[in-house]
Amino acid sequence: MNLSIIIPAQNEAEQIAQSLAPLQSFRARGAEVIVVDGGSTDQTVSQSEPLSDRVVISPKGRATQMNAGATVAHGGVLLFVHADSILPNNADLLIASAIESGQTWGRFDVSIRGTHFMLPIVAWFMNRRSRLSGISTGDQGLFVTQHAFDRVGGFPSQPLMEDVEICKRLRKLTPPACLSARMSTSGRRWEKNGVWRTIFLMWKLRFQYWRGANPGELYGIYYGS
């Protein structure tokens, strides 16, 4: 199995090296690491170049950047990882096992780095909800075969909820592989804006999206909060 790890980034100089460093063992085992920069004004690109196989410059937008990375990827399996997330040490081997068993896509459980006592509880609910719904968030490291990715048309061209939408489309093909190994993601947004406030906001946005709200309007609410 050839794996391409695609990381969309913008102004992540403070932590991109920390996220890329653990991927060097994956590269040694044959994985490809692609960082897709959305117009950073800091040192994200220069810090990424020594630790990745390719840095792609793309218009800003997570879906746009991830699709740009998929376009140049050589792997038969694509793994999308946020710039503030860290994969399990054997993530590539776990994905290979899932694919070899017949799965076409899936995700990991997640833990949230931070000091607030609620963050482990938030992570538990995220993992539980994902298992029940078959929908994962970008924090959970979505992996998918290139064939299945192409069948659903890649990530939809929308500024928010692109992870929810692609999971809905992939779920029509096959159920996801819900891997119990945990990747960790930063709790910076929860801690900056308030854990309870962020929880309420995310549930509100998901409900509005389910009701058919425009992703562009939801983007304005999310990043204007």
N, C-alpha and C. Protein backbone atom coordinates (compact mmCIF):
# COMPACT_ATOMS: atom_id res chain seq x y z
N MET A 1 0.84 -1.20 0.00
CA MET A 1 0.00 0.00 0.00
C MET A 1 0.87 1.25 0.00
N ASN A 2 0.65 2.12 -0.97
CA ASN A 2 1.35 3.40 -1.01
C ASN A 2 0.45 4.47 -0.38
N LEU A 3 1.00 5.16 0.63
CA LEU A 3 0.22 6.13 1.40
C LEU A 3 0.73 7.53 1.14
N SER A 4 -0.20 8.45 0.86
CA SER A 4 0.13 9.87 0.75
C SER A 4 -0.55 10.62 1.89
N ILE A 5 0.24 11.30 2.70
CA ILE A 5 -0.28 12.07 3.83
C ILE A 5 -0.34 13.53 3.40
N ILE A 6 -1.53 14.11 3.43
CA ILE A 6 -1.76 15.45 2.91
C ILE A 6 -2.15 16.37 4.07
N ILE A 7 -1.41 17.46 4.23
CA ILE A 7 -1.60 18.35 5.36
C ILE A 7 -1.86 19.77 4.86
N PRO A 8 -3.09 20.26 4.97
CA PRO A 8 -3.34 21.66 4.62
C PRO A 8 -2.85 22.57 5.75
N ALA A 9 -2.22 23.67 5.39
CA ALA A 9 -1.66 24.54 6.42
C ALA A 9 -1.72 25.99 5.99
N GLN A 10 -1.83 26.86 6.98
CA GLN A 10 -1.70 28.30 6.76
C GLN A 10 -1.26 28.94 8.06
N ASN A 11 -0.11 29.58 8.02
CA ASN A 11 0.45 30.25 9.20
C ASN A 11 0.51 29.32 10.41
N GLU A 12 1.14 28.17 10.20
CA GLU A 12 1.28 27.17 11.26
C GLU A 12 2.74 27.00 11.68
N ALA A 13 3.55 28.05 11.51
CA ALA A 13 4.98 27.93 11.79
C ALA A 13 5.27 27.52 13.23
N GLU A 14 4.39 27.89 14.16
CA GLU A 14 4.64 27.57 15.57
C GLU A 14 4.61 26.08 15.85
N GLN A 15 3.88 25.31 15.03
CA GLN A 15 3.74 23.90 15.37
C GLN A 15 3.85 22.95 14.19
N ILE A 16 4.08 23.44 12.97
CA ILE A 16 4.12 22.52 11.83
C ILE A 16 5.27 21.52 11.94
N ALA A 17 6.42 21.96 12.43
CA ALA A 17 7.55 21.03 12.56
C ALA A 17 7.24 19.94 13.58
N GLN A 18 6.54 20.30 14.65
CA GLN A 18 6.16 19.32 15.67
C GLN A 18 5.23 18.26 15.08
N SER A 19 4.36 18.67 14.17
CA SER A 19 3.44 17.73 13.55
C SER A 19 4.12 16.87 12.49
N LEU A 20 5.09 17.44 11.79
CA LEU A 20 5.76 16.72 10.71
C LEU A 20 6.85 15.77 11.21
N ALA A 21 7.47 16.10 12.34
CA ALA A 21 8.57 15.28 12.83
C ALA A 21 8.21 13.80 13.01
N PRO A 22 7.05 13.46 13.62
CA PRO A 22 6.72 12.05 13.77
C PRO A 22 6.47 11.33 12.45
N LEU A 23 6.24 12.08 11.38
CA LEU A 23 5.95 11.46 10.09
C LEU A 23 7.21 10.97 9.38
N GLN A 24 8.37 11.29 9.93
CA GLN A 24 9.61 10.88 9.26
C GLN A 24 9.77 9.36 9.26
N SER A 25 9.28 8.70 10.29
CA SER A 25 9.33 7.23 10.30
C SER A 25 8.38 6.65 9.25
N PHE A 26 7.27 7.35 9.00
CA PHE A 26 6.35 6.91 7.95
C PHE A 26 7.02 7.03 6.59
N ARG A 27 7.75 8.15 6.39
CA ARG A 27 8.46 8.35 5.13
C ARG A 27 9.50 7.25 4.93
N ALA A 28 10.15 6.85 6.01
CA ALA A 28 11.15 5.79 5.92
C ALA A 28 10.51 4.47 5.50
N ARG A 29 9.23 4.31 5.81
CA ARG A 29 8.52 3.09 5.41
C ARG A 29 7.81 3.25 4.07
N GLY A 30 8.03 4.38 3.38
CA GLY A 30 7.52 4.53 2.02
C GLY A 30 6.37 5.50 1.85
N ALA A 31 5.90 6.11 2.93
CA ALA A 31 4.79 7.07 2.80
C ALA A 31 5.30 8.38 2.22
N GLU A 32 4.41 9.08 1.58
CA GLU A 32 4.69 10.38 0.99
C GLU A 32 4.01 11.46 1.84
N VAL A 33 4.71 12.54 2.15
CA VAL A 33 4.16 13.62 2.94
C VAL A 33 4.08 14.88 2.08
N ILE A 34 2.86 15.41 1.96
CA ILE A 34 2.62 16.60 1.14
C ILE A 34 2.00 17.67 2.02
N VAL A 35 2.64 18.83 2.10
CA VAL A 35 2.08 19.98 2.80
C VAL A 35 1.52 20.93 1.75
N VAL A 36 0.27 21.34 1.94
CA VAL A 36 -0.37 22.26 1.00
C VAL A 36 -0.58 23.59 1.72
N ASP A 37 0.19 24.58 1.32
CA ASP A 37 0.14 25.87 1.99
C ASP A 37 -0.86 26.79 1.31
N GLY A 38 -1.69 27.44 2.14
CA GLY A 38 -2.72 28.32 1.61
C GLY A 38 -2.38 29.79 1.68
N GLY A 39 -1.11 30.12 1.48
CA GLY A 39 -0.73 31.53 1.47
C GLY A 39 -0.20 32.03 2.79
N SER A 40 0.62 31.24 3.45
CA SER A 40 1.16 31.64 4.75
C SER A 40 2.04 32.88 4.63
N THR A 41 2.00 33.71 5.66
CA THR A 41 2.86 34.89 5.73
C THR A 41 3.95 34.71 6.79
N ASP A 42 4.03 33.52 7.36
CA ASP A 42 5.08 33.22 8.34
C ASP A 42 6.05 32.20 7.73
N GLN A 43 6.70 31.41 8.54
CA GLN A 43 7.73 30.47 8.07
C GLN A 43 7.20 29.05 7.86
N THR A 44 5.90 28.91 7.66
CA THR A 44 5.33 27.58 7.48
C THR A 44 6.00 26.83 6.33
N VAL A 45 6.15 27.46 5.19
CA VAL A 45 6.71 26.78 4.01
C VAL A 45 8.16 26.38 4.26
N SER A 46 8.98 27.27 4.74
CA SER A 46 10.40 26.96 4.94
C SER A 46 10.60 25.89 6.00
N GLN A 47 9.73 25.85 7.01
CA GLN A 47 9.85 24.82 8.03
C GLN A 47 9.33 23.47 7.55
N SER A 48 8.42 23.50 6.58
CA SER A 48 7.84 22.26 6.07
C SER A 48 8.74 21.57 5.05
N GLU A 49 9.47 22.33 4.30
CA GLU A 49 10.23 21.77 3.18
C GLU A 49 11.21 20.66 3.58
N PRO A 50 11.98 20.81 4.65
CA PRO A 50 12.93 19.72 4.99
C PRO A 50 12.24 18.47 5.53
N LEU A 51 11.00 18.59 5.96
CA LEU A 51 10.31 17.49 6.63
C LEU A 51 9.19 16.88 5.79
N SER A 52 9.11 17.25 4.52
CA SER A 52 8.06 16.72 3.65
C SER A 52 8.66 16.39 2.29
N ASP A 53 7.92 15.64 1.52
CA ASP A 53 8.36 15.30 0.16
C ASP A 53 8.02 16.39 -0.83
N ARG A 54 6.99 17.15 -0.51
CA ARG A 54 6.57 18.20 -1.44
C ARG A 54 5.76 19.24 -0.69
N VAL A 55 5.99 20.50 -1.00
CA VAL A 55 5.16 21.59 -0.51
C VAL A 55 4.45 22.21 -1.71
N VAL A 56 3.14 22.21 -1.67
CA VAL A 56 2.31 22.73 -2.75
C VAL A 56 1.72 24.06 -2.31
N ILE A 57 1.72 25.04 -3.18
CA ILE A 57 1.09 26.32 -2.90
C ILE A 57 -0.29 26.32 -3.56
N SER A 58 -1.30 26.65 -2.77
CA SER A 58 -2.68 26.55 -3.23
C SER A 58 -3.46 27.77 -2.77
N PRO A 59 -4.56 28.09 -3.45
CA PRO A 59 -5.48 29.09 -2.89
C PRO A 59 -5.96 28.64 -1.51
N LYS A 60 -6.25 29.61 -0.66
CA LYS A 60 -6.70 29.34 0.70
C LYS A 60 -8.04 28.63 0.71
N GLY A 61 -8.20 27.74 1.67
CA GLY A 61 -9.45 26.99 1.84
C GLY A 61 -9.12 25.54 2.06
N ARG A 62 -9.55 24.98 3.17
CA ARG A 62 -9.14 23.63 3.53
C ARG A 62 -9.52 22.61 2.45
N ALA A 63 -10.75 22.66 1.96
CA ALA A 63 -11.16 21.72 0.92
C ALA A 63 -10.31 21.90 -0.33
N THR A 64 -10.12 23.15 -0.74
CA THR A 64 -9.31 23.45 -1.93
C THR A 64 -7.89 22.94 -1.76
N GLN A 65 -7.31 23.18 -0.61
CA GLN A 65 -5.94 22.75 -0.35
C GLN A 65 -5.83 21.23 -0.33
N MET A 66 -6.77 20.55 0.30
CA MET A 66 -6.69 19.09 0.35
C MET A 66 -6.88 18.48 -1.03
N ASN A 67 -7.78 19.04 -1.83
CA ASN A 67 -7.94 18.56 -3.19
C ASN A 67 -6.68 18.79 -4.01
N ALA A 68 -6.02 19.93 -3.78
CA ALA A 68 -4.77 20.21 -4.49
C ALA A 68 -3.70 19.19 -4.13
N GLY A 69 -3.65 18.81 -2.86
CA GLY A 69 -2.69 17.79 -2.45
C GLY A 69 -3.00 16.43 -3.07
N ALA A 70 -4.29 16.10 -3.11
CA ALA A 70 -4.70 14.82 -3.70
C ALA A 70 -4.35 14.75 -5.18
N THR A 71 -4.41 15.88 -5.86
CA THR A 71 -4.13 15.91 -7.29
C THR A 71 -2.69 15.51 -7.60
N VAL A 72 -1.76 15.88 -6.74
CA VAL A 72 -0.35 15.58 -7.01
C VAL A 72 0.13 14.33 -6.26
N ALA A 73 -0.72 13.73 -5.46
CA ALA A 73 -0.31 12.57 -4.65
C ALA A 73 -0.06 11.35 -5.52
N HIS A 74 0.92 10.56 -5.12
CA HIS A 74 1.25 9.33 -5.85
C HIS A 74 0.68 8.09 -5.18
N GLY A 75 0.20 8.22 -3.94
CA GLY A 75 -0.26 7.05 -3.21
C GLY A 75 -1.63 6.57 -3.63
N GLY A 76 -1.85 5.29 -3.44
CA GLY A 76 -3.17 4.72 -3.70
C GLY A 76 -4.14 4.96 -2.56
N VAL A 77 -3.61 5.38 -1.40
CA VAL A 77 -4.43 5.72 -0.24
C VAL A 77 -4.04 7.12 0.21
N LEU A 78 -5.03 7.96 0.46
CA LEU A 78 -4.81 9.33 0.89
C LEU A 78 -5.18 9.47 2.36
N LEU A 79 -4.34 10.16 3.12
CA LEU A 79 -4.61 10.42 4.54
C LEU A 79 -4.53 11.92 4.75
N PHE A 80 -5.63 12.52 5.20
CA PHE A 80 -5.71 13.97 5.39
C PHE A 80 -5.58 14.28 6.88
N VAL A 81 -4.61 15.13 7.21
CA VAL A 81 -4.28 15.41 8.60
C VAL A 81 -4.19 16.92 8.80
N HIS A 82 -4.82 17.43 9.83
CA HIS A 82 -4.71 18.85 10.14
C HIS A 82 -3.30 19.17 10.62
N ALA A 83 -2.89 20.42 10.42
CA ALA A 83 -1.53 20.83 10.75
C ALA A 83 -1.25 20.83 12.24
N ASP A 84 -2.28 20.83 13.06
CA ASP A 84 -2.08 20.81 14.52
C ASP A 84 -2.36 19.45 15.12
N SER A 85 -2.38 18.41 14.28
CA SER A 85 -2.69 17.07 14.76
C SER A 85 -1.48 16.15 14.62
N ILE A 86 -1.39 15.16 15.50
CA ILE A 86 -0.28 14.22 15.50
C ILE A 86 -0.84 12.80 15.44
N LEU A 87 -0.38 12.03 14.47
CA LEU A 87 -0.87 10.68 14.25
C LEU A 87 -0.26 9.68 15.23
N PRO A 88 -0.94 8.54 15.45
CA PRO A 88 -0.30 7.46 16.21
C PRO A 88 0.97 7.01 15.49
N ASN A 89 1.93 6.49 16.22
CA ASN A 89 3.21 6.11 15.62
C ASN A 89 3.09 5.04 14.55
N ASN A 90 2.07 4.21 14.65
CA ASN A 90 1.88 3.13 13.67
C ASN A 90 0.66 3.36 12.79
N ALA A 91 0.29 4.62 12.60
CA ALA A 91 -0.92 4.92 11.83
C ALA A 91 -0.88 4.33 10.43
N ASP A 92 0.27 4.40 9.79
CA ASP A 92 0.38 3.86 8.43
C ASP A 92 0.14 2.36 8.40
N LEU A 93 0.63 1.66 9.40
CA LEU A 93 0.44 0.20 9.46
C LEU A 93 -1.01 -0.14 9.75
N LEU A 94 -1.65 0.63 10.60
CA LEU A 94 -3.07 0.40 10.92
C LEU A 94 -3.95 0.65 9.70
N ILE A 95 -3.63 1.69 8.94
CA ILE A 95 -4.39 1.98 7.72
C ILE A 95 -4.19 0.86 6.71
N ALA A 96 -2.95 0.41 6.56
CA ALA A 96 -2.67 -0.68 5.62
C ALA A 96 -3.48 -1.93 5.97
N SER A 97 -3.55 -2.23 7.27
CA SER A 97 -4.32 -3.40 7.70
C SER A 97 -5.79 -3.24 7.39
N ALA A 98 -6.33 -2.03 7.62
CA ALA A 98 -7.75 -1.79 7.33
C ALA A 98 -8.03 -1.91 5.84
N ILE A 99 -7.17 -1.36 5.01
CA ILE A 99 -7.37 -1.42 3.57
C ILE A 99 -7.25 -2.86 3.07
N GLU A 100 -6.27 -3.58 3.59
CA GLU A 100 -6.08 -4.97 3.17
C GLU A 100 -7.25 -5.86 3.57
N SER A 101 -7.98 -5.45 4.62
CA SER A 101 -9.15 -6.23 5.05
C SER A 101 -10.41 -5.89 4.24
N GLY A 102 -10.29 -4.94 3.31
CA GLY A 102 -11.41 -4.62 2.45
C GLY A 102 -12.06 -3.27 2.67
N GLN A 103 -11.58 -2.51 3.67
CA GLN A 103 -12.13 -1.18 3.91
C GLN A 103 -11.63 -0.21 2.84
N THR A 104 -12.45 0.80 2.54
CA THR A 104 -12.04 1.79 1.54
C THR A 104 -11.80 3.17 2.15
N TRP A 105 -12.27 3.38 3.37
CA TRP A 105 -12.03 4.66 4.03
C TRP A 105 -12.26 4.51 5.53
N GLY A 106 -11.82 5.50 6.27
CA GLY A 106 -12.01 5.44 7.72
C GLY A 106 -11.33 6.61 8.42
N ARG A 107 -11.21 6.48 9.74
CA ARG A 107 -10.62 7.53 10.57
C ARG A 107 -10.16 6.96 11.89
N PHE A 108 -9.44 7.77 12.66
CA PHE A 108 -8.95 7.38 13.98
C PHE A 108 -9.84 7.99 15.06
N ASP A 109 -9.74 7.43 16.25
CA ASP A 109 -10.26 8.14 17.42
C ASP A 109 -9.33 9.33 17.68
N VAL A 110 -9.78 10.26 18.50
CA VAL A 110 -9.01 11.48 18.73
C VAL A 110 -8.91 11.77 20.22
N SER A 111 -7.81 12.36 20.61
CA SER A 111 -7.68 12.97 21.93
C SER A 111 -7.33 14.44 21.70
N ILE A 112 -7.66 15.29 22.67
CA ILE A 112 -7.46 16.73 22.51
C ILE A 112 -6.44 17.21 23.52
N ARG A 113 -5.35 17.81 23.02
CA ARG A 113 -4.30 18.33 23.89
C ARG A 113 -4.75 19.65 24.52
N GLY A 114 -4.53 19.79 25.81
CA GLY A 114 -4.89 21.03 26.49
C GLY A 114 -5.03 20.80 27.97
N THR A 115 -5.34 21.86 28.69
CA THR A 115 -5.39 21.78 30.16
C THR A 115 -6.80 21.73 30.73
N HIS A 116 -7.79 22.08 29.93
CA HIS A 116 -9.15 22.14 30.47
C HIS A 116 -9.68 20.73 30.74
N PHE A 117 -10.32 20.56 31.88
CA PHE A 117 -10.79 19.23 32.29
C PHE A 117 -11.85 18.66 31.36
N MET A 118 -12.52 19.54 30.58
CA MET A 118 -13.58 19.07 29.70
C MET A 118 -13.06 18.46 28.39
N LEU A 119 -11.81 18.71 28.03
CA LEU A 119 -11.33 18.28 26.72
C LEU A 119 -11.38 16.76 26.52
N PRO A 120 -11.00 15.94 27.51
CA PRO A 120 -11.16 14.49 27.32
C PRO A 120 -12.62 14.07 27.13
N ILE A 121 -13.52 14.78 27.77
CA ILE A 121 -14.95 14.48 27.62
C ILE A 121 -15.42 14.86 26.23
N VAL A 122 -14.97 16.01 25.73
CA VAL A 122 -15.30 16.42 24.37
C VAL A 122 -14.82 15.38 23.38
N ALA A 123 -13.58 14.90 23.57
CA ALA A 123 -13.03 13.90 22.66
C ALA A 123 -13.84 12.61 22.71
N TRP A 124 -14.26 12.20 23.90
CA TRP A 124 -15.06 10.97 24.03
C TRP A 124 -16.34 11.08 23.23
N PHE A 125 -17.01 12.22 23.35
CA PHE A 125 -18.25 12.41 22.62
C PHE A 125 -18.01 12.49 21.11
N MET A 126 -16.90 13.10 20.69
CA MET A 126 -16.58 13.14 19.27
C MET A 126 -16.41 11.73 18.73
N ASN A 127 -15.66 10.90 19.45
CA ASN A 127 -15.41 9.53 18.99
C ASN A 127 -16.69 8.71 18.97
N ARG A 128 -17.50 8.87 20.02
CA ARG A 128 -18.74 8.11 20.10
C ARG A 128 -19.71 8.52 19.01
N ARG A 129 -19.87 9.83 18.82
CA ARG A 129 -20.76 10.33 17.77
C ARG A 129 -20.32 9.82 16.41
N SER A 130 -19.02 9.82 16.17
CA SER A 130 -18.49 9.38 14.89
C SER A 130 -18.80 7.90 14.64
N ARG A 131 -18.66 7.09 15.65
CA ARG A 131 -18.95 5.66 15.48
C ARG A 131 -20.43 5.43 15.20
N LEU A 132 -21.28 6.20 15.84
CA LEU A 132 -22.72 6.01 15.65
C LEU A 132 -23.21 6.55 14.31
N SER A 133 -22.61 7.67 13.87
CA SER A 133 -23.11 8.34 12.67
C SER A 133 -22.38 7.97 11.39
N GLY A 134 -21.15 7.45 11.53
CA GLY A 134 -20.35 7.21 10.34
C GLY A 134 -19.79 8.49 9.74
N ILE A 135 -19.82 9.57 10.51
CA ILE A 135 -19.30 10.86 10.08
C ILE A 135 -18.12 11.22 10.96
N SER A 136 -17.01 11.63 10.36
CA SER A 136 -15.86 12.04 11.14
C SER A 136 -15.51 13.49 10.87
N THR A 137 -14.74 14.07 11.76
CA THR A 137 -14.26 15.43 11.57
C THR A 137 -12.83 15.38 11.04
N GLY A 138 -12.35 16.51 10.53
CA GLY A 138 -10.99 16.55 10.02
C GLY A 138 -9.95 16.26 11.08
N ASP A 139 -10.29 16.49 12.35
CA ASP A 139 -9.36 16.21 13.45
C ASP A 139 -9.08 14.73 13.61
N GLN A 140 -9.86 13.88 12.98
CA GLN A 140 -9.75 12.44 13.19
C GLN A 140 -8.94 11.73 12.11
N GLY A 141 -8.32 12.47 11.22
CA GLY A 141 -7.43 11.85 10.25
C GLY A 141 -8.14 10.97 9.24
N LEU A 142 -8.91 11.57 8.37
CA LEU A 142 -9.65 10.82 7.35
C LEU A 142 -8.68 10.16 6.37
N PHE A 143 -8.83 8.85 6.16
CA PHE A 143 -8.07 8.16 5.12
C PHE A 143 -9.04 7.51 4.15
N VAL A 144 -8.64 7.45 2.88
CA VAL A 144 -9.53 6.96 1.83
C VAL A 144 -8.70 6.51 0.64
N THR A 145 -9.13 5.45 -0.02
CA THR A 145 -8.43 5.04 -1.24
C THR A 145 -8.61 6.11 -2.31
N GLN A 146 -7.63 6.24 -3.17
CA GLN A 146 -7.72 7.22 -4.25
C GLN A 146 -8.93 6.93 -5.12
N HIS A 147 -9.24 5.65 -5.30
CA HIS A 147 -10.40 5.27 -6.14
C HIS A 147 -11.69 5.78 -5.53
N ALA A 148 -11.88 5.56 -4.22
CA ALA A 148 -13.11 6.02 -3.57
C ALA A 148 -13.16 7.54 -3.54
N PHE A 149 -12.03 8.17 -3.30
CA PHE A 149 -11.95 9.64 -3.29
C PHE A 149 -12.40 10.20 -4.63
N ASP A 150 -11.93 9.60 -5.70
CA ASP A 150 -12.32 10.06 -7.04
C ASP A 150 -13.80 9.79 -7.32
N ARG A 151 -14.30 8.67 -6.82
CA ARG A 151 -15.71 8.33 -7.06
C ARG A 151 -16.67 9.36 -6.47
N VAL A 152 -16.31 9.93 -5.33
CA VAL A 152 -17.20 10.92 -4.70
C VAL A 152 -16.84 12.35 -5.10
N GLY A 153 -15.86 12.50 -5.98
CA GLY A 153 -15.52 13.82 -6.48
C GLY A 153 -14.63 14.64 -5.57
N GLY A 154 -13.93 13.96 -4.64
CA GLY A 154 -13.04 14.67 -3.72
C GLY A 154 -13.83 15.47 -2.70
N PHE A 155 -13.15 16.40 -2.05
CA PHE A 155 -13.83 17.26 -1.09
C PHE A 155 -14.70 18.27 -1.83
N PRO A 156 -15.91 18.52 -1.34
CA PRO A 156 -16.77 19.50 -2.01
C PRO A 156 -16.20 20.90 -1.88
N SER A 157 -16.45 21.72 -2.87
CA SER A 157 -15.93 23.08 -2.88
C SER A 157 -16.80 23.96 -1.99
N GLN A 158 -16.56 23.88 -0.70
CA GLN A 158 -17.29 24.68 0.28
C GLN A 158 -16.36 25.04 1.41
N PRO A 159 -16.58 26.18 2.08
CA PRO A 159 -15.62 26.68 3.05
C PRO A 159 -15.70 26.06 4.43
N LEU A 160 -16.74 25.29 4.71
CA LEU A 160 -16.91 24.67 6.03
C LEU A 160 -17.73 23.41 5.87
N MET A 161 -17.56 22.48 6.80
CA MET A 161 -18.28 21.20 6.79
C MET A 161 -17.89 20.32 5.60
N GLU A 162 -16.73 20.59 5.02
CA GLU A 162 -16.27 19.75 3.91
C GLU A 162 -16.00 18.32 4.38
N ASP A 163 -15.57 18.17 5.64
CA ASP A 163 -15.32 16.85 6.18
C ASP A 163 -16.62 16.08 6.38
N VAL A 164 -17.63 16.76 6.88
CA VAL A 164 -18.94 16.12 7.07
C VAL A 164 -19.51 15.68 5.73
N GLU A 165 -19.42 16.54 4.74
CA GLU A 165 -20.03 16.26 3.44
C GLU A 165 -19.33 15.10 2.73
N ILE A 166 -18.01 15.06 2.75
CA ILE A 166 -17.34 13.95 2.07
C ILE A 166 -17.63 12.63 2.78
N CYS A 167 -17.75 12.65 4.10
CA CYS A 167 -18.09 11.43 4.83
C CYS A 167 -19.49 10.94 4.46
N LYS A 168 -20.41 11.87 4.30
CA LYS A 168 -21.77 11.49 3.89
C LYS A 168 -21.74 10.79 2.53
N ARG A 169 -20.90 11.29 1.64
CA ARG A 169 -20.80 10.70 0.30
C ARG A 169 -20.09 9.34 0.34
N LEU A 170 -19.01 9.27 1.12
CA LEU A 170 -18.28 8.02 1.23
C LEU A 170 -19.11 6.94 1.92
N ARG A 171 -19.92 7.37 2.87
CA ARG A 171 -20.76 6.42 3.61
C ARG A 171 -21.74 5.71 2.71
N LYS A 172 -22.09 6.33 1.58
CA LYS A 172 -22.98 5.69 0.61
C LYS A 172 -22.28 4.56 -0.13
N LEU A 173 -20.93 4.59 -0.13
CA LEU A 173 -20.17 3.53 -0.78
C LEU A 173 -19.97 2.35 0.18
N THR A 174 -19.41 2.64 1.34
CA THR A 174 -19.15 1.62 2.36
C THR A 174 -19.14 2.29 3.73
N PRO A 175 -19.37 1.52 4.79
CA PRO A 175 -19.20 2.08 6.14
C PRO A 175 -17.73 2.38 6.40
N PRO A 176 -17.43 3.32 7.31
CA PRO A 176 -16.04 3.64 7.59
C PRO A 176 -15.38 2.64 8.52
N ALA A 177 -14.05 2.57 8.44
CA ALA A 177 -13.27 1.85 9.44
C ALA A 177 -13.00 2.82 10.58
N CYS A 178 -13.55 2.55 11.75
CA CYS A 178 -13.37 3.43 12.91
C CYS A 178 -12.26 2.86 13.78
N LEU A 179 -11.05 3.34 13.58
CA LEU A 179 -9.89 2.79 14.28
C LEU A 179 -9.81 3.38 15.68
N SER A 180 -9.57 2.53 16.66
CA SER A 180 -9.57 2.97 18.05
C SER A 180 -8.27 3.63 18.47
N ALA A 181 -7.21 3.45 17.68
CA ALA A 181 -5.96 4.15 17.99
C ALA A 181 -6.22 5.65 17.94
N ARG A 182 -5.59 6.39 18.85
CA ARG A 182 -5.91 7.82 18.97
C ARG A 182 -4.83 8.70 18.37
N MET A 183 -5.28 9.66 17.57
CA MET A 183 -4.40 10.74 17.18
C MET A 183 -4.73 11.93 18.07
N SER A 184 -3.78 12.80 18.28
CA SER A 184 -4.03 13.94 19.15
C SER A 184 -4.13 15.21 18.33
N THR A 185 -4.99 16.10 18.78
CA THR A 185 -5.16 17.38 18.11
C THR A 185 -5.13 18.50 19.14
N SER A 186 -4.82 19.68 18.69
CA SER A 186 -4.69 20.81 19.61
C SER A 186 -6.06 21.27 20.10
N GLY A 187 -6.12 21.60 21.38
CA GLY A 187 -7.35 22.15 21.95
C GLY A 187 -7.34 23.67 21.96
N ARG A 188 -6.50 24.28 21.11
CA ARG A 188 -6.32 25.73 21.18
C ARG A 188 -7.61 26.50 20.93
N ARG A 189 -8.44 26.06 20.00
CA ARG A 189 -9.66 26.81 19.73
C ARG A 189 -10.63 26.71 20.89
N TRP A 190 -10.76 25.53 21.48
CA TRP A 190 -11.63 25.38 22.64
C TRP A 190 -11.17 26.28 23.78
N GLU A 191 -9.87 26.26 24.05
CA GLU A 191 -9.36 27.02 25.18
C GLU A 191 -9.37 28.52 24.92
N LYS A 192 -9.16 28.92 23.68
CA LYS A 192 -9.16 30.35 23.36
C LYS A 192 -10.56 30.94 23.47
N ASN A 193 -11.55 30.24 22.90
CA ASN A 193 -12.90 30.78 22.83
C ASN A 193 -13.82 30.30 23.94
N GLY A 194 -13.32 29.39 24.76
CA GLY A 194 -14.15 28.84 25.83
C GLY A 194 -14.70 27.49 25.43
N VAL A 195 -14.49 26.48 26.27
CA VAL A 195 -14.89 25.12 25.92
C VAL A 195 -16.40 25.01 25.72
N TRP A 196 -17.17 25.49 26.69
CA TRP A 196 -18.62 25.36 26.59
C TRP A 196 -19.17 26.15 25.40
N ARG A 197 -18.63 27.33 25.19
CA ARG A 197 -19.07 28.17 24.08
C ARG A 197 -18.77 27.49 22.74
N THR A 198 -17.60 26.87 22.64
CA THR A 198 -17.22 26.20 21.39
C THR A 198 -18.07 24.96 21.16
N ILE A 199 -18.34 24.21 22.20
CA ILE A 199 -19.21 23.03 22.07
C ILE A 199 -20.58 23.45 21.56
N PHE A 200 -21.15 24.47 22.18
CA PHE A 200 -22.48 24.94 21.77
C PHE A 200 -22.45 25.41 20.33
N LEU A 201 -21.39 26.16 19.97
CA LEU A 201 -21.30 26.68 18.61
C LEU A 201 -21.22 25.55 17.59
N MET A 202 -20.40 24.54 17.84
CA MET A 202 -20.24 23.44 16.88
C MET A 202 -21.53 22.65 16.71
N TRP A 203 -22.23 22.39 17.81
CA TRP A 203 -23.51 21.69 17.69
C TRP A 203 -24.53 22.54 16.93
N LYS A 204 -24.51 23.82 17.18
CA LYS A 204 -25.42 24.73 16.47
C LYS A 204 -25.13 24.73 14.97
N LEU A 205 -23.85 24.80 14.61
CA LEU A 205 -23.49 24.82 13.19
C LEU A 205 -23.84 23.50 12.51
N ARG A 206 -23.58 22.39 13.20
CA ARG A 206 -23.91 21.09 12.61
C ARG A 206 -25.41 20.94 12.41
N PHE A 207 -26.19 21.41 13.38
CA PHE A 207 -27.64 21.33 13.24
C PHE A 207 -28.11 22.19 12.07
N GLN A 208 -27.55 23.40 11.96
CA GLN A 208 -27.95 24.28 10.86
C GLN A 208 -27.54 23.69 9.51
N TYR A 209 -26.38 23.05 9.47
CA TYR A 209 -25.95 22.42 8.22
C TYR A 209 -26.89 21.28 7.86
N TRP A 210 -27.27 20.49 8.86
CA TRP A 210 -28.21 19.40 8.63
C TRP A 210 -29.55 19.93 8.11
N ARG A 211 -29.91 21.13 8.55
CA ARG A 211 -31.15 21.75 8.09
C ARG A 211 -31.00 22.40 6.71
N GLY A 212 -29.79 22.39 6.15
CA GLY A 212 -29.60 22.91 4.81
C GLY A 212 -29.01 24.31 4.73
N ALA A 213 -28.43 24.80 5.82
CA ALA A 213 -27.84 26.14 5.81
C ALA A 213 -26.67 26.21 4.85
N ASN A 214 -26.43 27.39 4.31
CA ASN A 214 -25.33 27.60 3.38
C ASN A 214 -23.99 27.52 4.11
N PRO A 215 -23.04 26.70 3.63
CA PRO A 215 -21.74 26.58 4.30
C PRO A 215 -21.00 27.90 4.40
N GLY A 216 -21.18 28.78 3.40
CA GLY A 216 -20.52 30.08 3.46
C GLY A 216 -21.00 30.91 4.64
N GLU A 217 -22.29 30.87 4.92
CA GLU A 217 -22.83 31.60 6.06
C GLU A 217 -22.34 30.99 7.37
N LEU A 218 -22.25 29.66 7.42
CA LEU A 218 -21.77 28.99 8.61
C LEU A 218 -20.30 29.31 8.85
N TYR A 219 -19.55 29.43 7.78
CA TYR A 219 -18.14 29.80 7.88
C TYR A 219 -17.99 31.17 8.55
N GLY A 220 -18.83 32.10 8.13
CA GLY A 220 -18.80 33.43 8.73
C GLY A 220 -19.10 33.41 10.21
N ILE A 221 -20.05 32.56 10.60
CA ILE A 221 -20.39 32.44 12.02
C ILE A 221 -19.23 31.80 12.80
N TYR A 222 -18.65 30.75 12.23
CA TYR A 222 -17.59 30.01 12.91
C TYR A 222 -16.34 30.86 13.13
N TYR A 223 -15.88 31.50 12.09
CA TYR A 223 -14.64 32.26 12.19
C TYR A 223 -14.86 33.68 12.68
N GLY A 224 -16.12 34.08 12.76
CA GLY A 224 -16.41 35.38 13.35
C GLY A 224 -16.70 35.30 14.82
N SER A 225 -16.70 34.06 15.33
CA SER A 225 -17.04 33.86 16.76
C SER A 225 -15.86 34.22 17.65
